[in-house]
């Protein structure tokens, strides 16, 4: 089962962008659907982006039009870029990988993104 470690969080100015990376180890991401979720304080974790093994992208409404989820299977990495951030985007962002049709799924430990001036 793959292990995931996110990086790239921090303080972002309103209107700015986040660029998160997720490094995988222990297995190849080739056969995993990958994606990102976030947990806003006081709310349930929500899945905001997924990218299938066939590179089909899906985004939740909160991310649609301003997020790009990408993967580099050769480097075993996943990326999330999201633009035009507002304070409502402040959250812990988690990388996720799963093998569709199985119970195999992994989450990273999360990286905090705070949008504030």
N, C-alpha and C. Protein backbone atom coordinates (compact mmCIF):
# COMPACT_ATOMS: atom_id res chain seq x y z
N UNK A 1 0.85 -1.19 0.00
CA UNK A 1 0.00 0.00 0.00
C UNK A 1 0.89 1.24 0.00
N UNK A 2 0.48 2.22 -0.78
CA UNK A 2 1.31 3.40 -0.95
C UNK A 2 1.25 4.30 0.27
N UNK A 3 2.37 4.95 0.57
CA UNK A 3 2.43 5.99 1.61
C UNK A 3 2.57 7.34 0.93
N UNK A 4 1.90 8.34 1.51
CA UNK A 4 1.82 9.66 0.87
C UNK A 4 2.30 10.74 1.83
N UNK A 5 3.07 11.69 1.31
CA UNK A 5 3.53 12.82 2.10
C UNK A 5 3.31 14.10 1.31
N UNK A 6 2.49 15.00 1.87
CA UNK A 6 2.21 16.27 1.21
C UNK A 6 3.24 17.32 1.61
N UNK A 7 3.40 18.31 0.74
CA UNK A 7 4.22 19.47 1.04
C UNK A 7 3.68 20.65 0.26
N UNK A 8 4.11 21.84 0.67
CA UNK A 8 3.76 23.03 -0.08
C UNK A 8 2.72 23.91 0.57
N UNK A 9 2.21 23.53 1.72
CA UNK A 9 1.24 24.38 2.39
C UNK A 9 1.90 25.59 3.02
N UNK A 10 1.06 26.44 3.60
CA UNK A 10 1.59 27.64 4.25
C UNK A 10 0.59 28.77 4.17
N UNK A 11 1.11 29.98 4.30
CA UNK A 11 0.29 31.17 4.28
C UNK A 11 0.20 31.70 2.85
N UNK A 12 -1.02 31.98 2.43
CA UNK A 12 -1.26 32.49 1.08
C UNK A 12 -2.08 33.76 1.19
N UNK A 13 -1.73 34.74 0.40
CA UNK A 13 -2.49 35.99 0.36
C UNK A 13 -3.82 35.76 -0.35
N UNK A 14 -4.88 36.45 0.06
CA UNK A 14 -6.15 36.36 -0.69
C UNK A 14 -5.92 36.70 -2.15
N UNK A 15 -6.52 35.90 -3.01
CA UNK A 15 -6.32 36.06 -4.44
C UNK A 15 -5.12 35.31 -4.98
N UNK A 16 -4.33 34.75 -4.09
CA UNK A 16 -3.14 34.02 -4.50
C UNK A 16 -3.43 32.57 -4.85
N UNK A 17 -2.36 31.80 -4.97
CA UNK A 17 -2.49 30.40 -5.40
C UNK A 17 -1.79 29.47 -4.42
N UNK A 18 -2.27 28.25 -4.39
CA UNK A 18 -1.55 27.21 -3.66
C UNK A 18 -1.00 26.20 -4.66
N UNK A 19 0.17 25.67 -4.33
CA UNK A 19 0.78 24.63 -5.15
C UNK A 19 1.25 23.55 -4.19
N UNK A 20 0.53 22.47 -4.18
CA UNK A 20 0.83 21.38 -3.27
C UNK A 20 1.42 20.20 -4.03
N UNK A 21 2.31 19.51 -3.37
CA UNK A 21 2.91 18.29 -3.92
C UNK A 21 2.63 17.14 -2.98
N UNK A 22 2.59 15.96 -3.55
CA UNK A 22 2.37 14.74 -2.77
C UNK A 22 3.32 13.68 -3.31
N UNK A 23 4.23 13.26 -2.46
CA UNK A 23 5.21 12.24 -2.84
C UNK A 23 4.75 10.87 -2.35
N UNK A 24 4.75 9.91 -3.23
CA UNK A 24 4.31 8.56 -2.88
C UNK A 24 5.51 7.62 -2.78
N UNK A 25 5.40 6.65 -1.88
CA UNK A 25 6.42 5.62 -1.74
C UNK A 25 5.75 4.31 -1.36
N UNK A 26 6.47 3.24 -1.57
CA UNK A 26 5.97 1.93 -1.18
C UNK A 26 5.20 1.19 -2.26
N UNK A 27 4.81 1.90 -3.28
CA UNK A 27 4.10 1.29 -4.40
C UNK A 27 4.10 2.31 -5.53
N UNK A 28 3.85 1.84 -6.72
CA UNK A 28 3.77 2.74 -7.87
C UNK A 28 2.37 3.31 -7.98
N UNK A 29 2.28 4.60 -8.28
CA UNK A 29 0.98 5.24 -8.41
C UNK A 29 0.26 4.91 -9.71
N UNK A 30 0.93 4.19 -10.58
CA UNK A 30 0.37 3.88 -11.90
C UNK A 30 -1.05 3.33 -11.82
N UNK A 31 -1.32 2.48 -10.82
CA UNK A 31 -2.61 1.81 -10.76
C UNK A 31 -3.57 2.43 -9.76
N UNK A 32 -3.21 3.63 -9.27
CA UNK A 32 -4.03 4.31 -8.29
C UNK A 32 -4.77 5.50 -8.91
N UNK A 33 -6.01 5.67 -8.52
CA UNK A 33 -6.68 6.95 -8.72
C UNK A 33 -6.17 7.86 -7.62
N UNK A 34 -5.82 9.10 -7.98
CA UNK A 34 -5.26 10.01 -6.98
C UNK A 34 -6.15 11.24 -6.85
N UNK A 35 -5.97 11.98 -5.77
CA UNK A 35 -6.79 13.17 -5.60
C UNK A 35 -6.45 13.91 -4.34
N UNK A 36 -7.25 14.95 -4.10
CA UNK A 36 -7.05 15.82 -2.95
C UNK A 36 -8.38 16.07 -2.25
N UNK A 37 -8.31 16.12 -0.93
CA UNK A 37 -9.45 16.52 -0.14
C UNK A 37 -8.97 17.58 0.83
N UNK A 38 -9.91 18.20 1.52
CA UNK A 38 -9.54 19.20 2.51
C UNK A 38 -10.52 19.15 3.68
N UNK A 39 -10.02 19.60 4.82
CA UNK A 39 -10.87 19.69 6.00
C UNK A 39 -10.81 21.12 6.51
N UNK A 40 -11.96 21.79 6.39
CA UNK A 40 -12.10 23.13 6.94
C UNK A 40 -12.52 22.99 8.40
N UNK A 41 -11.97 23.77 9.30
CA UNK A 41 -12.32 23.65 10.72
C UNK A 41 -13.82 23.64 10.94
N UNK A 42 -14.28 22.63 11.70
CA UNK A 42 -15.69 22.53 12.01
C UNK A 42 -16.52 21.84 10.96
N UNK A 43 -15.87 21.40 9.87
CA UNK A 43 -16.62 20.74 8.79
C UNK A 43 -16.03 19.37 8.50
N UNK A 44 -16.80 18.57 7.77
CA UNK A 44 -16.33 17.26 7.35
C UNK A 44 -15.29 17.41 6.25
N UNK A 45 -14.42 16.42 6.15
CA UNK A 45 -13.45 16.44 5.06
C UNK A 45 -14.20 16.28 3.75
N UNK A 46 -13.83 17.07 2.75
CA UNK A 46 -14.50 17.03 1.45
C UNK A 46 -13.47 16.74 0.36
N UNK A 47 -13.89 15.90 -0.56
CA UNK A 47 -13.04 15.56 -1.69
C UNK A 47 -13.19 16.67 -2.73
N UNK A 48 -12.09 17.27 -3.17
CA UNK A 48 -12.20 18.40 -4.08
C UNK A 48 -11.67 18.10 -5.48
N UNK A 49 -10.84 17.07 -5.62
CA UNK A 49 -10.28 16.78 -6.94
C UNK A 49 -9.88 15.31 -7.01
N UNK A 50 -10.16 14.69 -8.16
CA UNK A 50 -9.68 13.33 -8.40
C UNK A 50 -9.14 13.23 -9.81
N UNK A 51 -8.20 12.33 -9.98
CA UNK A 51 -7.57 12.11 -11.28
C UNK A 51 -7.39 10.61 -11.44
N UNK A 52 -8.02 10.06 -12.45
CA UNK A 52 -8.00 8.61 -12.61
C UNK A 52 -6.71 8.15 -13.26
N UNK A 53 -6.57 6.83 -13.35
CA UNK A 53 -5.39 6.26 -14.00
C UNK A 53 -5.38 6.57 -15.49
N UNK A 54 -6.55 6.90 -16.03
CA UNK A 54 -6.64 7.29 -17.44
C UNK A 54 -6.60 8.81 -17.61
N UNK A 55 -6.23 9.50 -16.53
CA UNK A 55 -6.07 10.96 -16.55
C UNK A 55 -7.39 11.69 -16.74
N UNK A 56 -8.49 11.06 -16.34
CA UNK A 56 -9.77 11.75 -16.33
C UNK A 56 -9.85 12.56 -15.04
N UNK A 57 -10.16 13.86 -15.16
CA UNK A 57 -10.19 14.75 -14.01
C UNK A 57 -11.62 15.02 -13.57
N UNK A 58 -11.80 15.09 -12.27
CA UNK A 58 -13.08 15.50 -11.72
C UNK A 58 -12.82 16.47 -10.57
N UNK A 59 -13.63 17.53 -10.53
CA UNK A 59 -13.47 18.54 -9.48
C UNK A 59 -14.80 18.81 -8.80
N UNK A 60 -14.75 19.00 -7.50
CA UNK A 60 -15.92 19.47 -6.77
C UNK A 60 -16.20 20.91 -7.17
N UNK A 61 -17.42 21.35 -6.91
CA UNK A 61 -17.82 22.70 -7.33
C UNK A 61 -16.90 23.77 -6.76
N UNK A 62 -16.44 23.58 -5.54
CA UNK A 62 -15.58 24.59 -4.89
C UNK A 62 -14.24 24.75 -5.59
N UNK A 63 -13.86 23.74 -6.37
CA UNK A 63 -12.56 23.78 -7.03
C UNK A 63 -12.68 23.96 -8.55
N UNK A 64 -13.86 23.74 -9.08
CA UNK A 64 -14.04 23.75 -10.53
C UNK A 64 -13.66 25.11 -11.12
N UNK A 65 -12.86 25.09 -12.16
CA UNK A 65 -12.47 26.30 -12.85
C UNK A 65 -11.26 27.00 -12.29
N UNK A 66 -10.79 26.58 -11.11
CA UNK A 66 -9.62 27.24 -10.53
C UNK A 66 -8.60 26.26 -9.98
N UNK A 67 -8.84 24.97 -10.17
CA UNK A 67 -7.90 23.97 -9.66
C UNK A 67 -7.42 23.07 -10.78
N UNK A 68 -6.18 22.62 -10.64
CA UNK A 68 -5.62 21.63 -11.55
C UNK A 68 -4.94 20.55 -10.73
N UNK A 69 -5.42 19.33 -10.91
CA UNK A 69 -4.86 18.16 -10.25
C UNK A 69 -4.05 17.40 -11.30
N UNK A 70 -2.80 17.16 -11.03
CA UNK A 70 -1.97 16.48 -12.02
C UNK A 70 -1.13 15.39 -11.36
N UNK A 71 -0.55 14.54 -12.18
CA UNK A 71 0.26 13.45 -11.65
C UNK A 71 1.47 13.24 -12.54
N UNK A 72 2.54 12.79 -11.94
CA UNK A 72 3.75 12.42 -12.67
C UNK A 72 4.08 11.01 -12.20
N UNK A 73 3.63 10.03 -12.96
CA UNK A 73 3.83 8.64 -12.54
C UNK A 73 5.30 8.26 -12.52
N UNK A 74 6.09 8.87 -13.39
CA UNK A 74 7.51 8.55 -13.42
C UNK A 74 8.20 8.97 -12.12
N UNK A 75 7.73 10.08 -11.54
CA UNK A 75 8.30 10.56 -10.28
C UNK A 75 7.48 10.11 -9.08
N UNK A 76 6.38 9.40 -9.36
CA UNK A 76 5.49 8.93 -8.28
C UNK A 76 4.97 10.08 -7.43
N UNK A 77 4.48 11.11 -8.12
CA UNK A 77 4.03 12.31 -7.42
C UNK A 77 2.68 12.80 -7.95
N UNK A 78 2.00 13.52 -7.09
CA UNK A 78 0.71 14.12 -7.42
C UNK A 78 0.79 15.60 -7.05
N UNK A 79 0.08 16.43 -7.79
CA UNK A 79 0.15 17.87 -7.57
C UNK A 79 -1.25 18.47 -7.57
N UNK A 80 -1.37 19.56 -6.82
CA UNK A 80 -2.60 20.34 -6.86
C UNK A 80 -2.22 21.81 -6.94
N UNK A 81 -2.74 22.49 -7.93
CA UNK A 81 -2.64 23.94 -7.99
C UNK A 81 -4.05 24.49 -7.96
N UNK A 82 -4.27 25.49 -7.12
CA UNK A 82 -5.58 26.13 -7.06
C UNK A 82 -5.37 27.63 -6.95
N UNK A 83 -6.11 28.36 -7.77
CA UNK A 83 -5.92 29.80 -7.89
C UNK A 83 -7.06 30.58 -7.25
N UNK A 84 -6.84 31.85 -7.15
CA UNK A 84 -7.86 32.78 -6.66
C UNK A 84 -8.41 32.33 -5.29
N UNK A 85 -7.52 32.13 -4.37
CA UNK A 85 -7.91 31.63 -3.06
C UNK A 85 -8.53 32.73 -2.22
N UNK A 86 -9.47 32.31 -1.37
CA UNK A 86 -10.07 33.19 -0.39
C UNK A 86 -9.94 32.60 0.99
N UNK A 87 -10.28 33.36 2.02
CA UNK A 87 -10.17 32.84 3.39
C UNK A 87 -10.96 31.54 3.59
N UNK A 88 -12.01 31.34 2.82
CA UNK A 88 -12.81 30.12 2.93
C UNK A 88 -12.07 28.88 2.44
N UNK A 89 -10.95 29.07 1.79
CA UNK A 89 -10.12 27.95 1.33
C UNK A 89 -9.10 27.52 2.37
N UNK A 90 -9.04 28.22 3.49
CA UNK A 90 -8.14 27.82 4.57
C UNK A 90 -8.57 26.45 5.09
N UNK A 91 -7.65 25.52 5.09
CA UNK A 91 -7.99 24.14 5.46
C UNK A 91 -6.72 23.32 5.54
N UNK A 92 -6.88 22.11 6.04
CA UNK A 92 -5.82 21.11 5.91
C UNK A 92 -6.12 20.34 4.63
N UNK A 93 -5.14 20.28 3.75
CA UNK A 93 -5.29 19.61 2.47
C UNK A 93 -4.59 18.24 2.53
N UNK A 94 -5.31 17.23 2.07
CA UNK A 94 -4.83 15.86 2.12
C UNK A 94 -4.73 15.26 0.72
N UNK A 95 -3.68 14.55 0.50
CA UNK A 95 -3.52 13.77 -0.72
C UNK A 95 -4.13 12.39 -0.50
N UNK A 96 -4.76 11.86 -1.53
CA UNK A 96 -5.38 10.55 -1.42
C UNK A 96 -5.04 9.70 -2.63
N UNK A 97 -4.90 8.39 -2.40
CA UNK A 97 -4.70 7.46 -3.51
C UNK A 97 -5.51 6.20 -3.22
N UNK A 98 -6.16 5.69 -4.22
CA UNK A 98 -6.93 4.46 -4.02
C UNK A 98 -6.91 3.63 -5.29
N UNK A 99 -7.07 2.34 -5.11
CA UNK A 99 -7.22 1.44 -6.25
C UNK A 99 -8.71 1.17 -6.38
N UNK A 100 -9.29 1.66 -7.43
CA UNK A 100 -10.73 1.56 -7.63
C UNK A 100 -11.17 0.10 -7.67
N UNK A 101 -12.28 -0.19 -6.96
CA UNK A 101 -12.79 -1.55 -6.93
C UNK A 101 -12.20 -2.41 -5.84
N UNK A 102 -11.32 -1.81 -5.06
CA UNK A 102 -10.71 -2.54 -3.93
C UNK A 102 -10.84 -1.68 -2.69
N UNK A 103 -10.41 -2.23 -1.57
CA UNK A 103 -10.41 -1.46 -0.31
C UNK A 103 -9.08 -0.75 -0.08
N UNK A 104 -8.21 -0.78 -1.05
CA UNK A 104 -6.90 -0.17 -0.90
C UNK A 104 -7.02 1.33 -1.08
N UNK A 105 -6.69 2.05 -0.05
CA UNK A 105 -6.68 3.50 -0.13
C UNK A 105 -5.74 4.04 0.93
N UNK A 106 -5.11 5.17 0.61
CA UNK A 106 -4.16 5.79 1.53
C UNK A 106 -4.39 7.29 1.55
N UNK A 107 -4.07 7.87 2.70
CA UNK A 107 -4.16 9.32 2.87
C UNK A 107 -2.81 9.82 3.38
N UNK A 108 -2.46 11.01 2.99
CA UNK A 108 -1.31 11.65 3.58
C UNK A 108 -1.68 12.23 4.93
N UNK A 109 -0.68 12.82 5.58
CA UNK A 109 -0.90 13.38 6.91
C UNK A 109 -1.53 14.77 6.86
N UNK A 110 -1.54 15.37 5.69
CA UNK A 110 -2.16 16.68 5.52
C UNK A 110 -1.16 17.81 5.60
N UNK A 111 -1.48 18.90 4.92
CA UNK A 111 -0.68 20.10 4.98
C UNK A 111 -1.61 21.30 5.13
N UNK A 112 -1.27 22.18 6.05
CA UNK A 112 -2.14 23.32 6.36
C UNK A 112 -1.94 24.43 5.33
N UNK A 113 -3.05 24.94 4.84
CA UNK A 113 -3.05 26.13 3.98
C UNK A 113 -3.92 27.18 4.67
N UNK A 114 -3.34 28.34 4.88
CA UNK A 114 -4.06 29.45 5.51
C UNK A 114 -4.07 30.62 4.54
N UNK A 115 -5.26 31.11 4.24
CA UNK A 115 -5.40 32.24 3.32
C UNK A 115 -5.75 33.46 4.16
N UNK A 116 -4.81 34.38 4.21
CA UNK A 116 -5.00 35.56 5.05
C UNK A 116 -4.05 36.66 4.62
N UNK A 117 -4.46 37.88 4.84
CA UNK A 117 -3.58 39.01 4.56
C UNK A 117 -2.84 39.43 5.82
